[in-house]
Amino acid sequence: MPTLELKTNVPVADPKTLMKEFAPFAAQLLGKPLEYISTSYTYNETLTFAGTFDPAFVLNIVSLGNINPEANLVYSQKLFAFFGEKLGVPGDRAYITFVDPGNSNIGFKSTHFGVIFGNN
């Protein structure tokens, strides 16, 4: 797993294409198999940043075992560049949240990753 949920006030002509491009990018960046990557795009015209409706985004990332200050710096640089190019959002108009909830707090295949990885 990771899950990557993008919310933005930038309408995208073809959200499915954007997510098909984003999923392998995220898999490579996070070092996770594409088979475990879940991405979503939500257009929200009421999303504000700094009190305006200028282009902005919020990206929430939940991932296991690879969230730490050093990695998050690299992730931030590459993700801001990706969405700067794809959405035209400058780096000062977005937030990225990184969360590692722990293996036993993510369910998959009727169990959780603590059991799957043998460290519940």
PDB file of N, CA and C in Angstrom:
ATOM      1  N   MET A   1       0.853  -1.174   0.000  1.00  0.00           N
ATOM      2  CA  MET A   1       0.000   0.000   0.000  1.00  0.00           C
ATOM      3  C   MET A   1       0.875   1.205   0.000  1.00  0.00           C
ATOM      4  N   PRO A   2       0.645   2.176  -0.680  1.00  0.00           N
ATOM      5  CA  PRO A   2       0.228   3.461  -0.173  1.00  0.00           C
ATOM      6  C   PRO A   2      -1.053   3.943  -0.841  1.00  0.00           C
ATOM      7  N   THR A   3      -1.691   4.875  -0.161  1.00  0.00           N
ATOM      8  CA  THR A   3      -2.801   5.597  -0.774  1.00  0.00           C
ATOM      9  C   THR A   3      -2.370   7.049  -0.918  1.00  0.00           C
ATOM     10  N   LEU A   4      -2.733   7.623  -2.059  1.00  0.00           N
ATOM     11  CA  LEU A   4      -2.410   9.022  -2.340  1.00  0.00           C
ATOM     12  C   LEU A   4      -3.690   9.690  -2.820  1.00  0.00           C
ATOM     13  N   GLU A   5      -4.212  10.604  -2.025  1.00  0.00           N
ATOM     14  CA  GLU A   5      -5.485  11.264  -2.310  1.00  0.00           C
ATOM     15  C   GLU A   5      -5.231  12.733  -2.608  1.00  0.00           C
ATOM     16  N   LEU A   6      -5.519  13.113  -3.847  1.00  0.00           N
ATOM     17  CA  LEU A   6      -5.312  14.478  -4.314  1.00  0.00           C
ATOM     18  C   LEU A   6      -6.639  15.220  -4.321  1.00  0.00           C
ATOM     19  N   LYS A   7      -6.666  16.368  -3.669  1.00  0.00           N
ATOM     20  CA  LYS A   7      -7.813  17.275  -3.737  1.00  0.00           C
ATOM     21  C   LYS A   7      -7.295  18.581  -4.306  1.00  0.00           C
ATOM     22  N   THR A   8      -7.999  19.110  -5.300  1.00  0.00           N
ATOM     23  CA  THR A   8      -7.543  20.336  -5.944  1.00  0.00           C
ATOM     24  C   THR A   8      -8.719  21.144  -6.463  1.00  0.00           C
ATOM     25  N   ASN A   9      -8.495  22.432  -6.603  1.00  0.00           N
ATOM     26  CA  ASN A   9      -9.498  23.296  -7.223  1.00  0.00           C
ATOM     27  C   ASN A   9      -9.186  23.516  -8.697  1.00  0.00           C
ATOM     28  N   VAL A  10      -8.270  22.732  -9.233  1.00  0.00           N
ATOM     29  CA  VAL A  10      -7.913  22.800 -10.647  1.00  0.00           C
ATOM     30  C   VAL A  10      -8.667  21.698 -11.388  1.00  0.00           C
ATOM     31  N   PRO A  11      -9.578  22.076 -12.288  1.00  0.00           N
ATOM     32  CA  PRO A  11     -10.266  21.046 -13.062  1.00  0.00           C
ATOM     33  C   PRO A  11      -9.297  20.435 -14.076  1.00  0.00           C
ATOM     34  N   VAL A  12      -9.351  19.130 -14.192  1.00  0.00           N
ATOM     35  CA  VAL A  12      -8.494  18.406 -15.125  1.00  0.00           C
ATOM     36  C   VAL A  12      -9.382  17.827 -16.214  1.00  0.00           C
ATOM     37  N   ALA A  13      -8.988  18.020 -17.463  1.00  0.00           N
ATOM     38  CA  ALA A  13      -9.798  17.552 -18.587  1.00  0.00           C
ATOM     39  C   ALA A  13     -10.014  16.041 -18.538  1.00  0.00           C
ATOM     40  N   ASP A  14      -8.986  15.302 -18.171  1.00  0.00           N
ATOM     41  CA  ASP A  14      -9.078  13.845 -18.132  1.00  0.00           C
ATOM     42  C   ASP A  14      -8.440  13.321 -16.834  1.00  0.00           C
ATOM     43  N   PRO A  15      -9.208  13.295 -15.747  1.00  0.00           N
ATOM     44  CA  PRO A  15      -8.659  12.851 -14.465  1.00  0.00           C
ATOM     45  C   PRO A  15      -8.117  11.420 -14.486  1.00  0.00           C
ATOM     46  N   LYS A  16      -8.730  10.543 -15.278  1.00  0.00           N
ATOM     47  CA  LYS A  16      -8.250   9.159 -15.331  1.00  0.00           C
ATOM     48  C   LYS A  16      -6.838   9.093 -15.903  1.00  0.00           C
ATOM     49  N   THR A  17      -6.580   9.890 -16.927  1.00  0.00           N
ATOM     50  CA  THR A  17      -5.230   9.926 -17.498  1.00  0.00           C
ATOM     51  C   THR A  17      -4.235  10.473 -16.485  1.00  0.00           C
ATOM     52  N   LEU A  18      -4.618  11.518 -15.769  1.00  0.00           N
ATOM     53  CA  LEU A  18      -3.736  12.071 -14.739  1.00  0.00           C
ATOM     54  C   LEU A  18      -3.386  11.007 -13.706  1.00  0.00           C
ATOM     55  N   MET A  19      -4.371  10.254 -13.242  1.00  0.00           N
ATOM     56  CA  MET A  19      -4.115   9.234 -12.227  1.00  0.00           C
ATOM     57  C   MET A  19      -3.312   8.066 -12.797  1.00  0.00           C
ATOM     58  N   LYS A  20      -3.517   7.745 -14.073  1.00  0.00           N
ATOM     59  CA  LYS A  20      -2.720   6.678 -14.698  1.00  0.00           C
ATOM     60  C   LYS A  20      -1.264   7.092 -14.827  1.00  0.00           C
ATOM     61  N   GLU A  21      -1.002   8.383 -14.969  1.00  0.00           N
ATOM     62  CA  GLU A  21       0.373   8.885 -14.984  1.00  0.00           C
ATOM     63  C   GLU A  21       0.931   8.978 -13.562  1.00  0.00           C
ATOM     64  N   PHE A  22       0.079   9.365 -12.637  1.00  0.00           N
ATOM     65  CA  PHE A  22       0.521   9.580 -11.268  1.00  0.00           C
ATOM     66  C   PHE A  22       0.850   8.271 -10.551  1.00  0.00           C
ATOM     67  N   ALA A  23       0.066   7.225 -10.767  1.00  0.00           N
ATOM     68  CA  ALA A  23       0.261   5.968 -10.038  1.00  0.00           C
ATOM     69  C   ALA A  23       1.667   5.387 -10.233  1.00  0.00           C
ATOM     70  N   PRO A  24       2.165   5.210 -11.466  1.00  0.00           N
ATOM     71  CA  PRO A  24       3.524   4.676 -11.598  1.00  0.00           C
ATOM     72  C   PRO A  24       4.597   5.641 -11.101  1.00  0.00           C
ATOM     73  N   PHE A  25       4.344   6.945 -11.251  1.00  0.00           N
ATOM     74  CA  PHE A  25       5.268   7.942 -10.707  1.00  0.00           C
ATOM     75  C   PHE A  25       5.379   7.772  -9.193  1.00  0.00           C
ATOM     76  N   ALA A  26       4.236   7.638  -8.532  1.00  0.00           N
ATOM     77  CA  ALA A  26       4.209   7.475  -7.075  1.00  0.00           C
ATOM     78  C   ALA A  26       4.852   6.161  -6.657  1.00  0.00           C
ATOM     79  N   ALA A  27       4.591   5.093  -7.393  1.00  0.00           N
ATOM     80  CA  ALA A  27       5.181   3.797  -7.066  1.00  0.00           C
ATOM     81  C   ALA A  27       6.704   3.872  -7.101  1.00  0.00           C
ATOM     82  N   GLN A  28       7.233   4.467  -8.150  1.00  0.00           N
ATOM     83  CA  GLN A  28       8.688   4.589  -8.265  1.00  0.00           C
ATOM     84  C   GLN A  28       9.242   5.494  -7.166  1.00  0.00           C
ATOM     85  N   LEU A  29       8.593   6.624  -6.952  1.00  0.00           N
ATOM     86  CA  LEU A  29       9.060   7.577  -5.951  1.00  0.00           C
ATOM     87  C   LEU A  29       9.079   6.959  -4.553  1.00  0.00           C
ATOM     88  N   LEU A  30       8.015   6.269  -4.198  1.00  0.00           N
ATOM     89  CA  LEU A  30       7.885   5.705  -2.853  1.00  0.00           C
ATOM     90  C   LEU A  30       8.549   4.335  -2.706  1.00  0.00           C
ATOM     91  N   GLY A  31       8.991   3.762  -3.833  1.00  0.00           N
ATOM     92  CA  GLY A  31       9.635   2.458  -3.777  1.00  0.00           C
ATOM     93  C   GLY A  31       8.685   1.330  -3.428  1.00  0.00           C
ATOM     94  N   LYS A  32       7.455   1.437  -3.916  1.00  0.00           N
ATOM     95  CA  LYS A  32       6.435   0.424  -3.638  1.00  0.00           C
ATOM     96  C   LYS A  32       5.945  -0.168  -4.955  1.00  0.00           C
ATOM     97  N   PRO A  33       5.502  -1.432  -4.959  1.00  0.00           N
ATOM     98  CA  PRO A  33       4.971  -2.023  -6.185  1.00  0.00           C
ATOM     99  C   PRO A  33       3.700  -1.296  -6.639  1.00  0.00           C
ATOM    100  N   LEU A  34       3.579  -1.113  -7.936  1.00  0.00           N
ATOM    101  CA  LEU A  34       2.395  -0.461  -8.497  1.00  0.00           C
ATOM    102  C   LEU A  34       1.118  -1.188  -8.071  1.00  0.00           C
ATOM    103  N   GLU A  35       1.198  -2.486  -7.879  1.00  0.00           N
ATOM    104  CA  GLU A  35       0.027  -3.284  -7.497  1.00  0.00           C
ATOM    105  C   GLU A  35      -0.572  -2.846  -6.165  1.00  0.00           C
ATOM    106  N   TYR A  36       0.222  -2.187  -5.326  1.00  0.00           N
ATOM    107  CA  TYR A  36      -0.262  -1.735  -4.023  1.00  0.00           C
ATOM    108  C   TYR A  36      -0.654  -0.259  -4.002  1.00  0.00           C
ATOM    109  N   ILE A  37      -0.411   0.461  -5.084  1.00  0.00           N
ATOM    110  CA  ILE A  37      -0.651   1.907  -5.118  1.00  0.00           C
ATOM    111  C   ILE A  37      -2.129   2.193  -5.370  1.00  0.00           C
ATOM    112  N   SER A  38      -2.696   3.065  -4.548  1.00  0.00           N
ATOM    113  CA  SER A  38      -4.063   3.548  -4.743  1.00  0.00           C
ATOM    114  C   SER A  38      -4.015   5.070  -4.835  1.00  0.00           C
ATOM    115  N   THR A  39      -4.524   5.609  -5.947  1.00  0.00           N
ATOM    116  CA  THR A  39      -4.549   7.061  -6.125  1.00  0.00           C
ATOM    117  C   THR A  39      -5.978   7.518  -6.376  1.00  0.00           C
ATOM    118  N   SER A  40      -6.251   8.763  -6.023  1.00  0.00           N
ATOM    119  CA  SER A  40      -7.560   9.335  -6.340  1.00  0.00           C
ATOM    120  C   SER A  40      -7.419  10.832  -6.570  1.00  0.00           C
ATOM    121  N   TYR A  41      -8.317  11.347  -7.394  1.00  0.00           N
ATOM    122  CA  TYR A  41      -8.376  12.770  -7.726  1.00  0.00           C
ATOM    123  C   TYR A  41      -9.771  13.262  -7.378  1.00  0.00           C
ATOM    124  N   THR A  42      -9.843  14.335  -6.619  1.00  0.00           N
ATOM    125  CA  THR A  42     -11.116  14.966  -6.310  1.00  0.00           C
ATOM    126  C   THR A  42     -11.019  16.436  -6.679  1.00  0.00           C
ATOM    127  N   TYR A  43     -11.915  16.859  -7.562  1.00  0.00           N
ATOM    128  CA  TYR A  43     -12.006  18.277  -7.908  1.00  0.00           C
ATOM    129  C   TYR A  43     -12.938  18.935  -6.903  1.00  0.00           C
ATOM    130  N   ASN A  44     -12.472  20.017  -6.292  1.00  0.00           N
ATOM    131  CA  ASN A  44     -13.266  20.738  -5.306  1.00  0.00           C
ATOM    132  C   ASN A  44     -13.125  22.229  -5.583  1.00  0.00           C
ATOM    133  N   GLU A  45     -14.120  22.787  -6.230  1.00  0.00           N
ATOM    134  CA  GLU A  45     -14.052  24.205  -6.599  1.00  0.00           C
ATOM    135  C   GLU A  45     -14.052  25.129  -5.389  1.00  0.00           C
ATOM    136  N   THR A  46     -14.414  24.609  -4.225  1.00  0.00           N
ATOM    137  CA  THR A  46     -14.438  25.447  -3.020  1.00  0.00           C
ATOM    138  C   THR A  46     -13.140  25.369  -2.216  1.00  0.00           C
ATOM    139  N   LEU A  47     -12.158  24.628  -2.699  1.00  0.00           N
ATOM    140  CA  LEU A  47     -10.879  24.548  -1.998  1.00  0.00           C
ATOM    141  C   LEU A  47     -10.176  25.901  -2.054  1.00  0.00           C
ATOM    142  N   THR A  48      -9.877  26.428  -0.888  1.00  0.00           N
ATOM    143  CA  THR A  48      -9.136  27.689  -0.817  1.00  0.00           C
ATOM    144  C   THR A  48      -7.765  27.431  -0.218  1.00  0.00           C
ATOM    145  N   PHE A  49      -6.857  28.324  -0.541  1.00  0.00           N
ATOM    146  CA  PHE A  49      -5.524  28.308   0.053  1.00  0.00           C
ATOM    147  C   PHE A  49      -5.140  29.763   0.230  1.00  0.00           C
ATOM    148  N   ALA A  50      -4.750  30.137   1.425  1.00  0.00           N
ATOM    149  CA  ALA A  50      -4.420  31.532   1.748  1.00  0.00           C
ATOM    150  C   ALA A  50      -5.606  32.453   1.459  1.00  0.00           C
ATOM    151  N   GLY A  51      -6.806  31.906   1.611  1.00  0.00           N
ATOM    152  CA  GLY A  51      -8.008  32.710   1.471  1.00  0.00           C
ATOM    153  C   GLY A  51      -8.438  33.008   0.054  1.00  0.00           C
ATOM    154  N   THR A  52      -7.805  32.348  -0.944  1.00  0.00           N
ATOM    155  CA  THR A  52      -8.189  32.598  -2.337  1.00  0.00           C
ATOM    156  C   THR A  52      -8.520  31.282  -3.036  1.00  0.00           C
ATOM    157  N   PHE A  53      -9.131  31.410  -4.196  1.00  0.00           N
ATOM    158  CA  PHE A  53      -9.456  30.263  -5.031  1.00  0.00           C
ATOM    159  C   PHE A  53      -8.433  30.063  -6.144  1.00  0.00           C
ATOM    160  N   ASP A  54      -7.283  30.719  -6.047  1.00  0.00           N
ATOM    161  CA  ASP A  54      -6.221  30.490  -7.024  1.00  0.00           C
ATOM    162  C   ASP A  54      -5.842  29.011  -6.986  1.00  0.00           C
ATOM    163  N   PRO A  55      -5.248  28.494  -8.078  1.00  0.00           N
ATOM    164  CA  PRO A  55      -4.923  27.068  -8.129  1.00  0.00           C
ATOM    165  C   PRO A  55      -4.170  26.593  -6.885  1.00  0.00           C
ATOM    166  N   ALA A  56      -4.650  25.476  -6.350  1.00  0.00           N
ATOM    167  CA  ALA A  56      -4.078  24.909  -5.130  1.00  0.00           C
ATOM    168  C   ALA A  56      -4.372  23.413  -5.090  1.00  0.00           C
ATOM    169  N   PHE A  57      -3.634  22.711  -4.243  1.00  0.00           N
ATOM    170  CA  PHE A  57      -3.946  21.301  -4.004  1.00  0.00           C
ATOM    171  C   PHE A  57      -3.553  20.901  -2.595  1.00  0.00           C
ATOM    172  N   VAL A  58      -4.165  19.808  -2.146  1.00  0.00           N
ATOM    173  CA  VAL A  58      -3.812  19.137  -0.903  1.00  0.00           C
ATOM    174  C   VAL A  58      -3.635  17.670  -1.266  1.00  0.00           C
ATOM    175  N   LEU A  59      -2.493  17.109  -0.904  1.00  0.00           N
ATOM    176  CA  LEU A  59      -2.209  15.705  -1.182  1.00  0.00           C
ATOM    177  C   LEU A  59      -1.974  14.995   0.144  1.00  0.00           C
ATOM    178  N   ASN A  60      -2.750  13.945   0.386  1.00  0.00           N
ATOM    179  CA  ASN A  60      -2.587  13.132   1.590  1.00  0.00           C
ATOM    180  C   ASN A  60      -2.002  11.785   1.189  1.00  0.00           C
ATOM    181  N   ILE A  61      -0.881  11.439   1.805  1.00  0.00           N
ATOM    182  CA  ILE A  61      -0.200  10.185   1.504  1.00  0.00           C
ATOM    183  C   ILE A  61      -0.159   9.342   2.773  1.00  0.00           C
ATOM    184  N   VAL A  62      -0.649   8.119   2.660  1.00  0.00           N
ATOM    185  CA  VAL A  62      -0.548   7.140   3.737  1.00  0.00           C
ATOM    186  C   VAL A  62       0.288   5.992   3.193  1.00  0.00           C
ATOM    187  N   SER A  63       1.379   5.686   3.864  1.00  0.00           N
ATOM    188  CA  SER A  63       2.283   4.646   3.386  1.00  0.00           C
ATOM    189  C   SER A  63       2.963   3.984   4.579  1.00  0.00           C
ATOM    190  N   LEU A  64       3.363   2.749   4.389  1.00  0.00           N
ATOM    191  CA  LEU A  64       3.978   1.974   5.467  1.00  0.00           C
ATOM    192  C   LEU A  64       5.482   1.848   5.271  1.00  0.00           C
ATOM    193  N   GLY A  65       6.237   2.196   6.305  1.00  0.00           N
ATOM    194  CA  GLY A  65       7.650   1.897   6.355  1.00  0.00           C
ATOM    195  C   GLY A  65       8.589   2.808   5.592  1.00  0.00           C
ATOM    196  N   ASN A  66       8.072   3.845   4.955  1.00  0.00           N
ATOM    197  CA  ASN A  66       8.963   4.710   4.174  1.00  0.00           C
ATOM    198  C   ASN A  66       8.691   6.198   4.386  1.00  0.00           C
ATOM    199  N   ILE A  67       8.029   6.520   5.463  1.00  0.00           N
ATOM    200  CA  ILE A  67       7.746   7.917   5.793  1.00  0.00           C
ATOM    201  C   ILE A  67       8.720   8.341   6.892  1.00  0.00           C
ATOM    202  N   ASN A  68       9.573   9.295   6.574  1.00  0.00           N
ATOM    203  CA  ASN A  68      10.533   9.827   7.544  1.00  0.00           C
ATOM    204  C   ASN A  68      10.997  11.190   7.043  1.00  0.00           C
ATOM    205  N   PRO A  69      11.591  11.999   7.879  1.00  0.00           N
ATOM    206  CA  PRO A  69      11.934  13.371   7.479  1.00  0.00           C
ATOM    207  C   PRO A  69      12.813  13.467   6.235  1.00  0.00           C
ATOM    208  N   GLU A  70      13.811  12.604   6.121  1.00  0.00           N
ATOM    209  CA  GLU A  70      14.706  12.674   4.968  1.00  0.00           C
ATOM    210  C   GLU A  70      13.978  12.289   3.681  1.00  0.00           C
ATOM    211  N   ALA A  71      13.240  11.200   3.724  1.00  0.00           N
ATOM    212  CA  ALA A  71      12.491  10.757   2.549  1.00  0.00           C
ATOM    213  C   ALA A  71      11.409  11.765   2.186  1.00  0.00           C
ATOM    214  N   ASN A  72      10.736  12.321   3.184  1.00  0.00           N
ATOM    215  CA  ASN A  72       9.661  13.276   2.913  1.00  0.00           C
ATOM    216  C   ASN A  72      10.168  14.508   2.181  1.00  0.00           C
ATOM    217  N   LEU A  73      11.398  14.901   2.436  1.00  0.00           N
ATOM    218  CA  LEU A  73      11.982  16.032   1.715  1.00  0.00           C
ATOM    219  C   LEU A  73      12.111  15.707   0.230  1.00  0.00           C
ATOM    220  N   VAL A  74      12.610  14.527  -0.083  1.00  0.00           N
ATOM    221  CA  VAL A  74      12.728  14.094  -1.480  1.00  0.00           C
ATOM    222  C   VAL A  74      11.345  13.971  -2.107  1.00  0.00           C
ATOM    223  N   TYR A  75      10.427  13.322  -1.395  1.00  0.00           N
ATOM    224  CA  TYR A  75       9.062  13.171  -1.908  1.00  0.00           C
ATOM    225  C   TYR A  75       8.450  14.539  -2.203  1.00  0.00           C
ATOM    226  N   SER A  76       8.601  15.466  -1.275  1.00  0.00           N
ATOM    227  CA  SER A  76       8.021  16.801  -1.457  1.00  0.00           C
ATOM    228  C   SER A  76       8.562  17.468  -2.708  1.00  0.00           C
ATOM    229  N   GLN A  77       9.871  17.437  -2.873  1.00  0.00           N
ATOM    230  CA  GLN A  77      10.474  18.084  -4.039  1.00  0.00           C
ATOM    231  C   GLN A  77       9.910  17.517  -5.330  1.00  0.00           C
ATOM    232  N   LYS A  78       9.840  16.208  -5.430  1.00  0.00           N
ATOM    233  CA  LYS A  78       9.388  15.574  -6.666  1.00  0.00           C
ATOM    234  C   LYS A  78       7.876  15.714  -6.871  1.00  0.00           C
ATOM    235  N   LEU A  79       7.111  15.632  -5.807  1.00  0.00           N
ATOM    236  CA  LEU A  79       5.656  15.768  -5.935  1.00  0.00           C
ATOM    237  C   LEU A  79       5.248  17.195  -6.269  1.00  0.00           C
ATOM    238  N   PHE A  80       5.891  18.179  -5.644  1.00  0.00           N
ATOM    239  CA  PHE A  80       5.582  19.567  -5.995  1.00  0.00           C
ATOM    240  C   PHE A  80       5.942  19.839  -7.450  1.00  0.00           C
ATOM    241  N   ALA A  81       7.039  19.274  -7.935  1.00  0.00           N
ATOM    242  CA  ALA A  81       7.414  19.443  -9.342  1.00  0.00           C
ATOM    243  C   ALA A  81       6.382  18.776 -10.255  1.00  0.00           C
ATOM    244  N   PHE A  82       5.958  17.565  -9.904  1.00  0.00           N
ATOM    245  CA  PHE A  82       4.977  16.833 -10.713  1.00  0.00           C
ATOM    246  C   PHE A  82       3.676  17.616 -10.836  1.00  0.00           C
ATOM    247  N   PHE A  83       3.134  18.043  -9.700  1.00  0.00           N
ATOM    248  CA  PHE A  83       1.853  18.742  -9.742  1.00  0.00           C
ATOM    249  C   PHE A  83       1.998  20.191 -10.193  1.00  0.00           C
ATOM    250  N   GLY A  84       3.173  20.756 -10.050  1.00  0.00           N
ATOM    251  CA  GLY A  84       3.419  22.063 -10.649  1.00  0.00           C
ATOM    252  C   GLY A  84       3.287  21.985 -12.155  1.00  0.00           C
ATOM    253  N   GLU A  85       3.845  20.916 -12.732  1.00  0.00           N
ATOM    254  CA  GLU A  85       3.764  20.714 -14.180  1.00  0.00           C
ATOM    255  C   GLU A  85       2.355  20.331 -14.619  1.00  0.00           C
ATOM    256  N   LYS A  86       1.743  19.383 -13.943  1.00  0.00           N
ATOM    257  CA  LYS A  86       0.442  18.843 -14.375  1.00  0.00           C
ATOM    258  C   LYS A  86      -0.729  19.775 -14.077  1.00  0.00           C
ATOM    259  N   LEU A  87      -0.665  20.503 -12.944  1.00  0.00           N
ATOM    260  CA  LEU A  87      -1.798  21.332 -12.530  1.00  0.00           C
ATOM    261  C   LEU A  87      -1.504  22.827 -12.591  1.00  0.00           C
ATOM    262  N   GLY A  88      -0.238  23.184 -12.729  1.00  0.00           N
ATOM    263  CA  GLY A  88       0.123  24.598 -12.725  1.00  0.00           C
ATOM    264  C   GLY A  88       0.011  25.242 -11.353  1.00  0.00           C
ATOM    265  N   VAL A  89       0.182  24.441 -10.310  1.00  0.00           N
ATOM    266  CA  VAL A  89       0.072  24.953  -8.939  1.00  0.00           C
ATOM    267  C   VAL A  89       1.474  25.254  -8.409  1.00  0.00           C
ATOM    268  N   PRO A  90       1.725  26.495  -7.996  1.00  0.00           N
ATOM    269  CA  PRO A  90       3.037  26.802  -7.418  1.00  0.00           C
ATOM    270  C   PRO A  90       3.196  26.150  -6.039  1.00  0.00           C
ATOM    271  N   GLY A  91       4.444  25.964  -5.635  1.00  0.00           N
ATOM    272  CA  GLY A  91       4.750  25.260  -4.394  1.00  0.00           C
ATOM    273  C   GLY A  91       4.224  25.911  -3.138  1.00  0.00           C
ATOM    274  N   ASP A  92       3.915  27.204  -3.207  1.00  0.00           N
ATOM    275  CA  ASP A  92       3.403  27.881  -2.013  1.00  0.00           C
ATOM    276  C   ASP A  92       1.877  27.880  -1.946  1.00  0.00           C
ATOM    277  N   ARG A  93       1.249  26.997  -2.763  1.00  0.00           N
ATOM    278  CA  ARG A  93      -0.216  26.910  -2.783  1.00  0.00           C
ATOM    279  C   ARG A  93      -0.668  25.465  -2.598  1.00  0.00           C
ATOM    280  N   ALA A  94       0.081  24.721  -1.794  1.00  0.00           N
ATOM    281  CA  ALA A  94      -0.259  23.309  -1.610  1.00  0.00           C
ATOM    282  C   ALA A  94       0.324  22.795  -0.301  1.00  0.00           C
ATOM    283  N   TYR A  95      -0.309  21.744   0.183  1.00  0.00           N
ATOM    284  CA  TYR A  95       0.210  20.994   1.325  1.00  0.00           C
ATOM    285  C   TYR A  95       0.262  19.523   0.940  1.00  0.00           C
ATOM    286  N   ILE A  96       1.283  18.851   1.453  1.00  0.00           N
ATOM    287  CA  ILE A  96       1.370  17.398   1.347  1.00  0.00           C
ATOM    288  C   ILE A  96       1.486  16.858   2.770  1.00  0.00           C
ATOM    289  N   THR A  97       0.615  15.937   3.103  1.00  0.00           N
ATOM    290  CA  THR A  97       0.630  15.307   4.417  1.00  0.00           C
ATOM    291  C   THR A  97       1.137  13.876   4.266  1.00  0.00           C
ATOM    292  N   PHE A  98       2.120  13.514   5.077  1.00  0.00           N
ATOM    293  CA  PHE A  98       2.699  12.172   5.061  1.00  0.00           C
ATOM    294  C   PHE A  98       2.326  11.465   6.360  1.00  0.00           C
ATOM    295  N   VAL A  99       1.768  10.263   6.243  1.00  0.00           N
ATOM    296  CA  VAL A  99       1.349   9.509   7.425  1.00  0.00           C
ATOM    297  C   VAL A  99       1.765   8.047   7.272  1.00  0.00           C
ATOM    298  N   ASP A 100       2.400   7.511   8.302  1.00  0.00           N
ATOM    299  CA  ASP A 100       2.655   6.077   8.414  1.00  0.00           C
ATOM    300  C   ASP A 100       1.887   5.600   9.641  1.00  0.00           C
ATOM    301  N   PRO A 101       0.722   4.957   9.436  1.00  0.00           N
ATOM    302  CA  PRO A 101      -0.112   4.580  10.576  1.00  0.00           C
ATOM    303  C   PRO A 101       0.338   3.308  11.291  1.00  0.00           C
ATOM    304  N   GLY A 102       1.341   2.632  10.775  1.00  0.00           N
ATOM    305  CA  GLY A 102       1.769   1.360  11.357  1.00  0.00           C
ATOM    306  C   GLY A 102       1.089   0.190  10.664  1.00  0.00           C
ATOM    307  N   ASN A 103       1.809  -0.899  10.539  1.00  0.00           N
ATOM    308  CA  ASN A 103       1.331  -2.046   9.761  1.00  0.00           C
ATOM    309  C   ASN A 103      -0.020  -2.589  10.203  1.00  0.00           C
ATOM    310  N   SER A 104      -0.272  -2.633  11.495  1.00  0.00           N
ATOM    311  CA  SER A 104      -1.521  -3.240  11.967  1.00  0.00           C
ATOM    312  C   SER A 104      -2.721  -2.315  11.809  1.00  0.00           C
ATOM    313  N   ASN A 105      -2.512  -1.116  11.311  1.00  0.00           N
ATOM    314  CA  ASN A 105      -3.612  -0.159  11.148  1.00  0.00           C
ATOM    315  C   ASN A 105      -4.074   0.010   9.709  1.00  0.00           C
ATOM    316  N   ILE A 106      -3.626  -0.872   8.822  1.00  0.00           N
ATOM    317  CA  ILE A 106      -4.092  -0.863   7.434  1.00  0.00           C
ATOM    318  C   ILE A 106      -4.584  -2.267   7.096  1.00  0.00           C
ATOM    319  N   GLY A 107      -5.868  -2.365   6.769  1.00  0.00           N
ATOM    320  CA  GLY A 107      -6.448  -3.649   6.401  1.00  0.00           C
ATOM    321  C   GLY A 107      -6.268  -3.945   4.922  1.00  0.00           C
ATOM    322  N   PHE A 108      -6.123  -5.232   4.598  1.00  0.00           N
ATOM    323  CA  PHE A 108      -5.962  -5.686   3.213  1.00  0.00           C
ATOM    324  C   PHE A 108      -6.239  -7.180   3.180  1.00  0.00           C
ATOM    325  N   LYS A 109      -6.999  -7.629   2.206  1.00  0.00           N
ATOM    326  CA  LYS A 109      -7.298  -9.054   2.016  1.00  0.00           C
ATOM    327  C   LYS A 109      -7.849  -9.697   3.293  1.00  0.00           C
ATOM    328  N   SER A 110      -8.789  -9.052   3.933  1.00  0.00           N
ATOM    329  CA  SER A 110      -9.470  -9.547   5.133  1.00  0.00           C
ATOM    330  C   SER A 110      -8.564  -9.700   6.346  1.00  0.00           C
ATOM    331  N   THR A 111      -7.418  -9.025   6.332  1.00  0.00           N
ATOM    332  CA  THR A 111      -6.510  -9.039   7.476  1.00  0.00           C
ATOM    333  C   THR A 111      -5.863  -7.664   7.552  1.00  0.00           C
ATOM    334  N   HIS A 112      -4.681  -7.557   8.104  1.00  0.00           N
ATOM    335  CA  HIS A 112      -3.961  -6.281   8.074  1.00  0.00           C
ATOM    336  C   HIS A 112      -2.495  -6.556   7.779  1.00  0.00           C
ATOM    337  N   PHE A 113      -1.763  -5.488   7.450  1.00  0.00           N
ATOM    338  CA  PHE A 113      -0.381  -5.659   7.018  1.00  0.00           C
ATOM    339  C   PHE A 113       0.536  -6.150   8.134  1.00  0.00           C
ATOM    340  N   GLY A 114       0.169  -5.952   9.381  1.00  0.00           N
ATOM    341  CA  GLY A 114       0.955  -6.526  10.466  1.00  0.00           C
ATOM    342  C   GLY A 114       1.006  -8.042  10.367  1.00  0.00           C
ATOM    343  N   VAL A 115      -0.131  -8.658  10.064  1.00  0.00           N
ATOM    344  CA  VAL A 115      -0.189 -10.107   9.881  1.00  0.00           C
ATOM    345  C   VAL A 115       0.529 -10.497   8.591  1.00  0.00           C
ATOM    346  N   ILE A 116       0.262  -9.765   7.521  1.00  0.00           N
ATOM    347  CA  ILE A 116       0.878 -10.074   6.226  1.00  0.00           C
ATOM    348  C   ILE A 116       2.401 -10.022   6.323  1.00  0.00           C
ATOM    349  N   PHE A 117       2.927  -8.993   6.997  1.00  0.00           N
ATOM    350  CA  PHE A 117       4.376  -8.834   7.121  1.00  0.00           C
ATOM    351  C   PHE A 117       4.954  -9.588   8.317  1.00  0.00           C
ATOM    352  N   GLY A 118       4.083 -10.224   9.125  1.00  0.00           N
ATOM    353  CA  GLY A 118       4.545 -11.015  10.257  1.00  0.00           C
ATOM    354  C   GLY A 118       5.039 -10.207  11.438  1.00  0.00           C
ATOM    355  N   ASN A 119       4.493  -8.994  11.588  1.00  0.00           N
ATOM    356  CA  ASN A 119       4.927  -8.163  12.722  1.00  0.00           C
ATOM    357  C   ASN A 119       3.754  -7.413  13.332  1.00  0.00           C
ATOM    358  N   ASN A 120       2.688  -8.166  13.616  1.00  0.00           N
ATOM    359  CA  ASN A 120       1.517  -7.523  14.203  1.00  0.00           C
ATOM    360  C   ASN A 120       1.756  -7.259  15.653  1.00  0.00           C
TER     361      ASN A 120
END
